[in-house]
Amino acid sequence: MFKYVNNGGTLVVVPDSSIDYSSYSNFLIPLGIAPLTSAVVNQERVEKLMLEDEIFQGVFSSASGISSSTDLPQVEKYYLQNTVSSGEKLIQLRSGAPILSRFLKGKGEVYLFAVSFSGNMSNFARHAIFVPVVYRMALLSERTGKKAYFIGSDDRIELPSTTIAGDEVFHLINEKSNFDIIPGHRTTGTGTVISINNQVTSAANYDLKLRNEVVAIASFNYNREESLLKFKSDAQLKSEIETLRLKNLKIIDSGDVELTHQFSAINEGTRLWKYCIMLVLLFLAFEVLLLKFWKK
């Protein structure tokens, strides 16, 4: 079980209404989870949900809709762990005790309930949030893996739920370019890992087929580092211009002015029409004054 979880599996632990604590301890301790040691008989209401977690995505219409008047599950009895839980408390009671915790172990995760789904320990299994929460657990347990890969990085395609036996092989195909290779594969505890070994050299979408059925679609792209632009400073450019004695080049420092205005000034030169109008008005004023005082 430890190997299954560590390799990416998802495990859900739901205790019975009457449990053998030693058996649960022998099961949980190897997983690195504090065992259940006692039961609390007390009527309590769920007060806090970790709504920002992906497990509650789509369960409620909005996070602001959860208030003290919201109908949430109630418990009559729940189990406690012997130490402070190191897991994430997804559903908490008013006392702070969790009734659903999640523990990340290796590549996988373990969900631990503190109440039973049967009997009268709680109404969680009959509550409206039960189905969507359990559905989200199952949905999130399906590891879809990466969809995009870089050419030249020798990425591996992981197929968590796919196994292969005998002489069967995978085919990586792109029909448009008539591309068809048989990649290497390795079986793991939870599925299969496909090794491309840098055999893909063109950016495109490729179908990974097994038994003539598409089991995955992988997109291969060129490394984005090829598009990274590096710029030289003004001082470096001026130094190179002086070194190469390039007289027809000029560095434009726009500063706070838009670059288009700088180009307009260079192409059209300095505009003097404003100064001409000012001089015309000034001379007109002088003429009026001269005519006025000349008569006297």
C-alpha atoms as a PDB file:
ATOM      1  CA  MET A   1       0.000   0.000   0.000  1.00  0.00           C
ATOM      2  CA  PHE A   2       2.856   2.381   0.826  1.00  0.00           C
ATOM      3  CA  LYS A   3       4.422   1.742  -2.588  1.00  0.00           C
ATOM      4  CA  TYR A   4       1.087   2.359  -4.316  1.00  0.00           C
ATOM      5  CA  VAL A   5       0.583   5.743  -2.616  1.00  0.00           C
ATOM      6  CA  ASN A   6       4.212   6.774  -2.966  1.00  0.00           C
ATOM      7  CA  ASN A   7       4.065   6.126  -6.717  1.00  0.00           C
ATOM      8  CA  GLY A   8       1.092   8.440  -7.187  1.00  0.00           C
ATOM      9  CA  GLY A   9      -1.928   6.481  -5.996  1.00  0.00           C
ATOM     10  CA  THR A  10      -4.839   7.899  -4.020  1.00  0.00           C
ATOM     11  CA  LEU A  11      -6.087   6.148  -0.883  1.00  0.00           C
ATOM     12  CA  VAL A  12      -9.304   6.946   1.027  1.00  0.00           C
ATOM     13  CA  VAL A  13      -9.605   5.622   4.603  1.00  0.00           C
ATOM     14  CA  VAL A  14     -13.117   5.481   6.099  1.00  0.00           C
ATOM     15  CA  PRO A  15     -13.293   3.984   9.608  1.00  0.00           C
ATOM     16  CA  ASP A  16     -16.168   1.802  10.712  1.00  0.00           C
ATOM     17  CA  SER A  17     -18.529   2.868  13.459  1.00  0.00           C
ATOM     18  CA  SER A  18     -16.771   0.337  15.705  1.00  0.00           C
ATOM     19  CA  ILE A  19     -13.061  -0.153  15.009  1.00  0.00           C
ATOM     20  CA  ASP A  20     -10.072  -2.095  16.261  1.00  0.00           C
ATOM     21  CA  TYR A  21      -7.630   0.712  17.094  1.00  0.00           C
ATOM     22  CA  SER A  22      -4.551  -1.511  16.922  1.00  0.00           C
ATOM     23  CA  SER A  23      -5.418  -2.661  13.384  1.00  0.00           C
ATOM     24  CA  TYR A  24      -5.842   0.921  12.221  1.00  0.00           C
ATOM     25  CA  SER A  25      -2.559   1.869  13.909  1.00  0.00           C
ATOM     26  CA  ASN A  26      -0.732  -0.913  12.068  1.00  0.00           C
ATOM     27  CA  PHE A  27      -2.244   0.370   8.840  1.00  0.00           C
ATOM     28  CA  LEU A  28      -1.723   4.132   9.266  1.00  0.00           C
ATOM     29  CA  ILE A  29       1.687   4.278  10.950  1.00  0.00           C
ATOM     30  CA  PRO A  30       3.605   2.788   7.962  1.00  0.00           C
ATOM     31  CA  LEU A  31       2.010   5.526   5.850  1.00  0.00           C
ATOM     32  CA  GLY A  32       3.405   8.156   8.223  1.00  0.00           C
ATOM     33  CA  ILE A  33      -0.039   9.077   9.581  1.00  0.00           C
ATOM     34  CA  ALA A  34      -0.840   9.376  13.266  1.00  0.00           C
ATOM     35  CA  PRO A  35      -3.237   6.562  14.265  1.00  0.00           C
ATOM     36  CA  LEU A  36      -6.781   6.902  15.549  1.00  0.00           C
ATOM     37  CA  THR A  37      -6.745   6.348  19.302  1.00  0.00           C
ATOM     38  CA  SER A  38     -10.061   7.461  20.767  1.00  0.00           C
ATOM     39  CA  ALA A  39     -13.638   8.403  19.976  1.00  0.00           C
ATOM     40  CA  VAL A  40     -15.457  11.553  21.051  1.00  0.00           C
ATOM     41  CA  VAL A  41     -19.196  11.307  21.586  1.00  0.00           C
ATOM     42  CA  ASN A  42     -20.523  14.820  21.187  1.00  0.00           C
ATOM     43  CA  GLN A  43     -23.011  16.475  18.889  1.00  0.00           C
ATOM     44  CA  GLU A  44     -21.118  18.998  16.785  1.00  0.00           C
ATOM     45  CA  ARG A  45     -21.613  20.843  13.529  1.00  0.00           C
ATOM     46  CA  VAL A  46     -19.146  21.278  10.694  1.00  0.00           C
ATOM     47  CA  GLU A  47     -17.987  24.872  10.830  1.00  0.00           C
ATOM     48  CA  LYS A  48     -15.053  25.245   8.458  1.00  0.00           C
ATOM     49  CA  LEU A  49     -14.352  23.991   4.951  1.00  0.00           C
ATOM     50  CA  MET A  50     -11.107  24.626   3.072  1.00  0.00           C
ATOM     51  CA  LEU A  51     -13.033  26.170   0.186  1.00  0.00           C
ATOM     52  CA  GLU A  52      -9.886  27.320  -1.629  1.00  0.00           C
ATOM     53  CA  ASP A  53      -8.857  23.689  -2.100  1.00  0.00           C
ATOM     54  CA  GLU A  54      -9.544  22.058  -5.457  1.00  0.00           C
ATOM     55  CA  ILE A  55     -11.625  19.325  -3.858  1.00  0.00           C
ATOM     56  CA  PHE A  56     -14.431  21.852  -3.245  1.00  0.00           C
ATOM     57  CA  GLN A  57     -14.273  23.337  -6.739  1.00  0.00           C
ATOM     58  CA  GLY A  58     -17.805  23.570  -8.054  1.00  0.00           C
ATOM     59  CA  VAL A  59     -19.380  22.219  -4.841  1.00  0.00           C
ATOM     60  CA  PHE A  60     -20.664  25.636  -3.768  1.00  0.00           C
ATOM     61  CA  SER A  61     -21.813  28.466  -5.989  1.00  0.00           C
ATOM     62  CA  SER A  62     -19.528  30.944  -4.206  1.00  0.00           C
ATOM     63  CA  ALA A  63     -17.236  30.988  -1.184  1.00  0.00           C
ATOM     64  CA  SER A  64     -19.075  34.013   0.240  1.00  0.00           C
ATOM     65  CA  GLY A  65     -22.246  31.927   0.409  1.00  0.00           C
ATOM     66  CA  ILE A  66     -20.929  29.878   3.334  1.00  0.00           C
ATOM     67  CA  SER A  67     -22.182  31.356   6.597  1.00  0.00           C
ATOM     68  CA  SER A  68     -23.437  30.313  10.002  1.00  0.00           C
ATOM     69  CA  SER A  69     -26.855  29.641   8.479  1.00  0.00           C
ATOM     70  CA  THR A  70     -25.536  27.348   5.739  1.00  0.00           C
ATOM     71  CA  ASP A  71     -26.693  23.749   6.061  1.00  0.00           C
ATOM     72  CA  LEU A  72     -23.531  21.743   6.839  1.00  0.00           C
ATOM     73  CA  PRO A  73     -23.101  18.176   8.128  1.00  0.00           C
ATOM     74  CA  GLN A  74     -23.407  17.285  11.808  1.00  0.00           C
ATOM     75  CA  VAL A  75     -21.727  14.515  13.806  1.00  0.00           C
ATOM     76  CA  GLU A  76     -22.697  12.580  16.910  1.00  0.00           C
ATOM     77  CA  LYS A  77     -19.367  10.777  17.240  1.00  0.00           C
ATOM     78  CA  TYR A  78     -15.934  11.084  15.651  1.00  0.00           C
ATOM     79  CA  TYR A  79     -12.428   9.692  16.011  1.00  0.00           C
ATOM     80  CA  LEU A  80      -9.327  11.543  17.161  1.00  0.00           C
ATOM     81  CA  GLN A  81      -5.652  10.963  16.378  1.00  0.00           C
ATOM     82  CA  ASN A  82      -3.136  10.627  19.183  1.00  0.00           C
ATOM     83  CA  THR A  83      -1.009  13.575  17.999  1.00  0.00           C
ATOM     84  CA  VAL A  84      -1.566  16.823  16.154  1.00  0.00           C
ATOM     85  CA  SER A  85      -2.316  15.922  12.565  1.00  0.00           C
ATOM     86  CA  SER A  86       0.251  16.935   9.967  1.00  0.00           C
ATOM     87  CA  GLY A  87      -2.334  16.708   7.207  1.00  0.00           C
ATOM     88  CA  GLU A  88      -4.493  19.366   5.630  1.00  0.00           C
ATOM     89  CA  LYS A  89      -7.803  19.807   7.420  1.00  0.00           C
ATOM     90  CA  LEU A  90     -10.313  19.909   4.584  1.00  0.00           C
ATOM     91  CA  ILE A  91     -13.441  19.700   6.784  1.00  0.00           C
ATOM     92  CA  GLN A  92     -13.362  20.833  10.424  1.00  0.00           C
ATOM     93  CA  LEU A  93     -15.814  20.747  13.286  1.00  0.00           C
ATOM     94  CA  ARG A  94     -16.576  23.672  15.552  1.00  0.00           C
ATOM     95  CA  SER A  95     -14.105  22.248  18.093  1.00  0.00           C
ATOM     96  CA  GLY A  96     -11.335  22.351  15.485  1.00  0.00           C
ATOM     97  CA  ALA A  97     -11.156  18.582  15.089  1.00  0.00           C
ATOM     98  CA  PRO A  98     -11.015  17.440  11.429  1.00  0.00           C
ATOM     99  CA  ILE A  99     -13.466  14.940  10.001  1.00  0.00           C
ATOM    100  CA  LEU A 100     -11.635  14.895   6.644  1.00  0.00           C
ATOM    101  CA  SER A 101      -7.870  15.294   6.330  1.00  0.00           C
ATOM    102  CA  ARG A 102      -5.494  14.876   3.416  1.00  0.00           C
ATOM    103  CA  PHE A 103      -1.895  13.668   3.696  1.00  0.00           C
ATOM    104  CA  LEU A 104       0.589  14.022   0.830  1.00  0.00           C
ATOM    105  CA  LYS A 105       2.872  10.998   0.614  1.00  0.00           C
ATOM    106  CA  GLY A 106       5.447  10.836  -2.165  1.00  0.00           C
ATOM    107  CA  LYS A 107       3.591  11.378  -5.427  1.00  0.00           C
ATOM    108  CA  GLY A 108       0.258  10.278  -3.963  1.00  0.00           C
ATOM    109  CA  GLU A 109      -2.139  11.290  -1.228  1.00  0.00           C
ATOM    110  CA  VAL A 110      -4.235   9.762   1.543  1.00  0.00           C
ATOM    111  CA  TYR A 111      -7.687  11.009   2.567  1.00  0.00           C
ATOM    112  CA  LEU A 112      -8.637  10.131   6.135  1.00  0.00           C
ATOM    113  CA  PHE A 113     -12.194  10.454   7.430  1.00  0.00           C
ATOM    114  CA  ALA A 114     -12.843  10.699  11.155  1.00  0.00           C
ATOM    115  CA  VAL A 115     -16.424   9.466  10.848  1.00  0.00           C
ATOM    116  CA  SER A 116     -18.061   6.393   9.408  1.00  0.00           C
ATOM    117  CA  PHE A 117     -20.374   6.447   6.424  1.00  0.00           C
ATOM    118  CA  SER A 118     -22.690   3.970   8.105  1.00  0.00           C
ATOM    119  CA  GLY A 119     -24.501   4.038  11.421  1.00  0.00           C
ATOM    120  CA  ASN A 120     -25.397   7.181  13.342  1.00  0.00           C
ATOM    121  CA  MET A 121     -21.944   8.740  13.728  1.00  0.00           C
ATOM    122  CA  SER A 122     -22.866  11.591  11.335  1.00  0.00           C
ATOM    123  CA  ASN A 123     -25.162  12.588   8.530  1.00  0.00           C
ATOM    124  CA  PHE A 124     -22.232  13.302   6.204  1.00  0.00           C
ATOM    125  CA  ALA A 125     -22.982  10.336   3.913  1.00  0.00           C
ATOM    126  CA  ARG A 126     -26.574  11.558   3.574  1.00  0.00           C
ATOM    127  CA  HIS A 127     -25.711  15.232   3.200  1.00  0.00           C
ATOM    128  CA  ALA A 128     -25.806  17.136  -0.092  1.00  0.00           C
ATOM    129  CA  ILE A 129     -22.038  17.762  -0.162  1.00  0.00           C
ATOM    130  CA  PHE A 130     -21.172  14.050   0.136  1.00  0.00           C
ATOM    131  CA  VAL A 131     -21.565  13.124  -3.529  1.00  0.00           C
ATOM    132  CA  PRO A 132     -19.662  16.101  -5.030  1.00  0.00           C
ATOM    133  CA  VAL A 133     -16.804  15.782  -2.508  1.00  0.00           C
ATOM    134  CA  VAL A 134     -16.348  12.054  -3.122  1.00  0.00           C
ATOM    135  CA  TYR A 135     -16.709  12.636  -6.861  1.00  0.00           C
ATOM    136  CA  ARG A 136     -13.964  15.276  -6.755  1.00  0.00           C
ATOM    137  CA  MET A 137     -11.730  12.825  -4.865  1.00  0.00           C
ATOM    138  CA  ALA A 138     -12.152  10.261  -7.616  1.00  0.00           C
ATOM    139  CA  LEU A 139     -11.695  12.866 -10.347  1.00  0.00           C
ATOM    140  CA  LEU A 140      -8.508  14.292  -8.820  1.00  0.00           C
ATOM    141  CA  SER A 141      -7.079  10.813  -8.303  1.00  0.00           C
ATOM    142  CA  GLU A 142      -6.792  10.421 -12.064  1.00  0.00           C
ATOM    143  CA  ARG A 143      -3.329  11.749 -12.826  1.00  0.00           C
ATOM    144  CA  THR A 144      -3.454  13.193 -16.309  1.00  0.00           C
ATOM    145  CA  GLY A 145       0.209  14.216 -16.314  1.00  0.00           C
ATOM    146  CA  LYS A 146       1.833  16.656 -18.668  1.00  0.00           C
ATOM    147  CA  LYS A 147       0.375  17.500 -22.053  1.00  0.00           C
ATOM    148  CA  ALA A 148       3.157  19.674 -23.492  1.00  0.00           C
ATOM    149  CA  TYR A 149       6.820  18.787 -23.910  1.00  0.00           C
ATOM    150  CA  PHE A 150       9.934  20.510 -25.226  1.00  0.00           C
ATOM    151  CA  ILE A 151      11.915  19.138 -28.125  1.00  0.00           C
ATOM    152  CA  GLY A 152      15.436  18.207 -27.053  1.00  0.00           C
ATOM    153  CA  SER A 153      14.674  17.927 -23.332  1.00  0.00           C
ATOM    154  CA  ASP A 154      14.106  14.137 -23.467  1.00  0.00           C
ATOM    155  CA  ASP A 155      10.869  14.317 -21.484  1.00  0.00           C
ATOM    156  CA  ARG A 156       8.960  11.219 -20.440  1.00  0.00           C
ATOM    157  CA  ILE A 157       5.239  10.622 -20.900  1.00  0.00           C
ATOM    158  CA  GLU A 158       3.642   9.138 -17.793  1.00  0.00           C
ATOM    159  CA  LEU A 159       0.553   6.955 -18.128  1.00  0.00           C
ATOM    160  CA  PRO A 160      -0.612   6.269 -14.557  1.00  0.00           C
ATOM    161  CA  SER A 161      -3.560   4.045 -15.464  1.00  0.00           C
ATOM    162  CA  THR A 162      -2.171   2.214 -18.494  1.00  0.00           C
ATOM    163  CA  THR A 163      -0.357  -1.119 -18.379  1.00  0.00           C
ATOM    164  CA  ILE A 164       1.163  -3.173 -21.182  1.00  0.00           C
ATOM    165  CA  ALA A 165       1.914  -6.864 -21.415  1.00  0.00           C
ATOM    166  CA  GLY A 166       3.650  -9.331 -23.671  1.00  0.00           C
ATOM    167  CA  ASP A 167       4.960  -8.122 -27.000  1.00  0.00           C
ATOM    168  CA  GLU A 168       2.685  -5.084 -27.177  1.00  0.00           C
ATOM    169  CA  VAL A 169       4.315  -1.766 -28.021  1.00  0.00           C
ATOM    170  CA  PHE A 170       3.327   1.882 -28.149  1.00  0.00           C
ATOM    171  CA  HIS A 171       3.375   4.000 -31.300  1.00  0.00           C
ATOM    172  CA  LEU A 172       3.928   7.764 -31.326  1.00  0.00           C
ATOM    173  CA  ILE A 173       2.270   9.019 -34.511  1.00  0.00           C
ATOM    174  CA  ASN A 174       1.749  12.241 -36.435  1.00  0.00           C
ATOM    175  CA  GLU A 175      -0.158  11.397 -39.594  1.00  0.00           C
ATOM    176  CA  LYS A 176       0.370  14.760 -41.315  1.00  0.00           C
ATOM    177  CA  SER A 177       4.142  14.364 -41.360  1.00  0.00           C
ATOM    178  CA  ASN A 178       4.017  10.571 -41.798  1.00  0.00           C
ATOM    179  CA  PHE A 179       5.827  10.202 -38.474  1.00  0.00           C
ATOM    180  CA  ASP A 180       5.612   6.868 -36.638  1.00  0.00           C
ATOM    181  CA  ILE A 181       8.066   5.603 -34.018  1.00  0.00           C
ATOM    182  CA  ILE A 182       8.027   2.952 -31.309  1.00  0.00           C
ATOM    183  CA  PRO A 183       9.172   4.673 -28.099  1.00  0.00           C
ATOM    184  CA  GLY A 184      10.664   2.853 -25.168  1.00  0.00           C
ATOM    185  CA  HIS A 185       8.466   2.070 -22.190  1.00  0.00           C
ATOM    186  CA  ARG A 186       8.887   0.990 -18.593  1.00  0.00           C
ATOM    187  CA  THR A 187       6.230  -0.447 -16.286  1.00  0.00           C
ATOM    188  CA  THR A 188       5.944   1.140 -12.815  1.00  0.00           C
ATOM    189  CA  GLY A 189       3.832   0.363  -9.774  1.00  0.00           C
ATOM    190  CA  THR A 190       0.992   2.579 -10.979  1.00  0.00           C
ATOM    191  CA  GLY A 191       1.269   2.521 -14.757  1.00  0.00           C
ATOM    192  CA  THR A 192       3.746   2.994 -17.589  1.00  0.00           C
ATOM    193  CA  VAL A 193       6.443   5.553 -18.402  1.00  0.00           C
ATOM    194  CA  ILE A 194       7.165   6.301 -22.076  1.00  0.00           C
ATOM    195  CA  SER A 195      10.695   7.397 -23.075  1.00  0.00           C
ATOM    196  CA  ILE A 196      10.949   9.462 -26.265  1.00  0.00           C
ATOM    197  CA  ASN A 197      14.781   9.545 -26.332  1.00  0.00           C
ATOM    198  CA  ASN A 198      14.890  12.765 -28.410  1.00  0.00           C
ATOM    199  CA  GLN A 199      13.308  11.089 -31.440  1.00  0.00           C
ATOM    200  CA  VAL A 200      10.849  13.954 -31.959  1.00  0.00           C
ATOM    201  CA  THR A 201      12.410  16.836 -33.909  1.00  0.00           C
ATOM    202  CA  SER A 202       9.383  18.766 -35.245  1.00  0.00           C
ATOM    203  CA  ALA A 203       6.861  20.785 -33.261  1.00  0.00           C
ATOM    204  CA  ALA A 204       3.392  19.247 -33.600  1.00  0.00           C
ATOM    205  CA  ASN A 205       0.687  17.238 -31.817  1.00  0.00           C
ATOM    206  CA  TYR A 206       1.382  13.516 -31.604  1.00  0.00           C
ATOM    207  CA  ASP A 207      -0.950  10.596 -30.842  1.00  0.00           C
ATOM    208  CA  LEU A 208       0.348   7.908 -28.507  1.00  0.00           C
ATOM    209  CA  LYS A 209      -1.401   4.692 -29.524  1.00  0.00           C
ATOM    210  CA  LEU A 210      -1.682   1.264 -27.957  1.00  0.00           C
ATOM    211  CA  ARG A 211      -3.594  -1.508 -29.731  1.00  0.00           C
ATOM    212  CA  ASN A 212      -4.535   1.074 -32.408  1.00  0.00           C
ATOM    213  CA  GLU A 213      -6.271   3.211 -29.788  1.00  0.00           C
ATOM    214  CA  VAL A 214      -5.164   6.688 -28.706  1.00  0.00           C
ATOM    215  CA  VAL A 215      -4.193   6.572 -25.023  1.00  0.00           C
ATOM    216  CA  ALA A 216      -2.631  10.047 -24.842  1.00  0.00           C
ATOM    217  CA  ILE A 217      -1.993  13.145 -26.935  1.00  0.00           C
ATOM    218  CA  ALA A 218       1.328  14.947 -26.501  1.00  0.00           C
ATOM    219  CA  SER A 219       2.250  18.355 -27.885  1.00  0.00           C
ATOM    220  CA  PHE A 220       5.912  18.932 -28.635  1.00  0.00           C
ATOM    221  CA  ASN A 221       7.190  22.496 -28.936  1.00  0.00           C
ATOM    222  CA  TYR A 222      10.557  24.106 -29.469  1.00  0.00           C
ATOM    223  CA  ASN A 223      12.296  25.319 -26.350  1.00  0.00           C
ATOM    224  CA  ARG A 224      11.115  28.802 -25.430  1.00  0.00           C
ATOM    225  CA  GLU A 225      14.647  29.862 -24.541  1.00  0.00           C
ATOM    226  CA  GLU A 226      15.250  30.296 -28.268  1.00  0.00           C
ATOM    227  CA  SER A 227      12.856  33.243 -28.186  1.00  0.00           C
ATOM    228  CA  LEU A 228      14.514  35.034 -25.277  1.00  0.00           C
ATOM    229  CA  LEU A 229      15.869  38.401 -26.398  1.00  0.00           C
ATOM    230  CA  LYS A 230      18.995  39.946 -24.887  1.00  0.00           C
ATOM    231  CA  PHE A 231      19.593  43.680 -25.257  1.00  0.00           C
ATOM    232  CA  LYS A 232      22.719  45.787 -24.973  1.00  0.00           C
ATOM    233  CA  SER A 233      22.803  48.981 -22.954  1.00  0.00           C
ATOM    234  CA  ASP A 234      23.138  52.454 -24.489  1.00  0.00           C
ATOM    235  CA  ALA A 235      26.735  52.652 -23.334  1.00  0.00           C
ATOM    236  CA  GLN A 236      27.596  49.335 -24.997  1.00  0.00           C
ATOM    237  CA  LEU A 237      25.938  50.399 -28.261  1.00  0.00           C
ATOM    238  CA  LYS A 238      27.744  53.754 -28.281  1.00  0.00           C
ATOM    239  CA  SER A 239      31.043  51.999 -27.636  1.00  0.00           C
ATOM    240  CA  GLU A 240      30.513  49.622 -30.553  1.00  0.00           C
ATOM    241  CA  ILE A 241      29.464  52.474 -32.873  1.00  0.00           C
ATOM    242  CA  GLU A 242      32.637  54.373 -32.008  1.00  0.00           C
ATOM    243  CA  THR A 243      34.767  51.253 -32.411  1.00  0.00           C
ATOM    244  CA  LEU A 244      33.312  50.463 -35.842  1.00  0.00           C
ATOM    245  CA  ARG A 245      33.265  54.185 -36.806  1.00  0.00           C
ATOM    246  CA  LEU A 246      29.668  54.075 -37.966  1.00  0.00           C
ATOM    247  CA  LYS A 247      28.724  57.671 -38.721  1.00  0.00           C
ATOM    248  CA  ASN A 248      25.225  57.002 -40.058  1.00  0.00           C
ATOM    249  CA  LEU A 249      23.907  55.512 -36.831  1.00  0.00           C
ATOM    250  CA  LYS A 250      22.367  57.375 -33.955  1.00  0.00           C
ATOM    251  CA  ILE A 251      20.970  56.186 -30.636  1.00  0.00           C
ATOM    252  CA  ILE A 252      17.600  57.685 -29.845  1.00  0.00           C
ATOM    253  CA  ASP A 253      16.866  58.193 -26.171  1.00  0.00           C
ATOM    254  CA  SER A 254      13.170  58.937 -26.020  1.00  0.00           C
ATOM    255  CA  GLY A 255      13.058  59.350 -22.255  1.00  0.00           C
ATOM    256  CA  ASP A 256       9.505  60.245 -21.207  1.00  0.00           C
ATOM    257  CA  VAL A 257       8.542  61.259 -24.761  1.00  0.00           C
ATOM    258  CA  GLU A 258       6.831  58.745 -27.021  1.00  0.00           C
ATOM    259  CA  LEU A 259       9.108  57.226 -29.624  1.00  0.00           C
ATOM    260  CA  THR A 260       6.748  58.235 -32.462  1.00  0.00           C
ATOM    261  CA  HIS A 261       7.203  61.899 -31.547  1.00  0.00           C
ATOM    262  CA  GLN A 262      10.951  61.425 -31.681  1.00  0.00           C
ATOM    263  CA  PHE A 263      10.734  59.958 -35.192  1.00  0.00           C
ATOM    264  CA  SER A 264       8.437  62.784 -36.306  1.00  0.00           C
ATOM    265  CA  ALA A 265      10.924  65.388 -35.065  1.00  0.00           C
ATOM    266  CA  ILE A 266      13.744  63.635 -36.913  1.00  0.00           C
ATOM    267  CA  ASN A 267      11.802  63.328 -40.184  1.00  0.00           C
ATOM    268  CA  GLU A 268      10.165  66.781 -40.186  1.00  0.00           C
ATOM    269  CA  GLY A 269      12.829  68.764 -38.399  1.00  0.00           C
ATOM    270  CA  THR A 270      12.117  71.537 -35.896  1.00  0.00           C
ATOM    271  CA  ARG A 271       8.747  73.150 -36.512  1.00  0.00           C
ATOM    272  CA  LEU A 272       9.076  76.968 -36.616  1.00  0.00           C
ATOM    273  CA  TRP A 273       5.517  77.937 -37.554  1.00  0.00           C
ATOM    274  CA  LYS A 274       4.598  78.647 -33.957  1.00  0.00           C
ATOM    275  CA  TYR A 275       7.470  81.112 -33.672  1.00  0.00           C
ATOM    276  CA  CYS A 276       6.448  82.738 -36.957  1.00  0.00           C
ATOM    277  CA  ILE A 277       2.926  83.347 -35.715  1.00  0.00           C
ATOM    278  CA  MET A 278       4.259  84.800 -32.478  1.00  0.00           C
ATOM    279  CA  LEU A 279       6.567  87.178 -34.416  1.00  0.00           C
ATOM    280  CA  VAL A 280       3.714  88.242 -36.727  1.00  0.00           C
ATOM    281  CA  LEU A 281       1.525  89.076 -33.755  1.00  0.00           C
ATOM    282  CA  LEU A 282       4.389  90.895 -32.072  1.00  0.00           C
ATOM    283  CA  PHE A 283       5.151  93.027 -35.162  1.00  0.00           C
ATOM    284  CA  LEU A 284       1.440  93.724 -35.621  1.00  0.00           C
ATOM    285  CA  ALA A 285       1.279  95.030 -32.082  1.00  0.00           C
ATOM    286  CA  PHE A 286       4.331  97.246 -32.716  1.00  0.00           C
ATOM    287  CA  GLU A 287       2.700  98.615 -35.870  1.00  0.00           C
ATOM    288  CA  VAL A 288      -0.499  99.493 -34.021  1.00  0.00           C
ATOM    289  CA  LEU A 289       1.470 101.258 -31.322  1.00  0.00           C
ATOM    290  CA  LEU A 290       3.595 103.178 -33.847  1.00  0.00           C
ATOM    291  CA  LEU A 291       0.529 104.351 -35.769  1.00  0.00           C
ATOM    292  CA  LYS A 292      -1.164 105.458 -32.590  1.00  0.00           C
ATOM    293  CA  PHE A 293       1.762 107.439 -31.193  1.00  0.00           C
ATOM    294  CA  TRP A 294       3.033 108.677 -34.589  1.00  0.00           C
ATOM    295  CA  LYS A 295      -0.151 110.725 -35.089  1.00  0.00           C
ATOM    296  CA  LYS A 296       0.562 112.590 -31.896  1.00  0.00           C
END
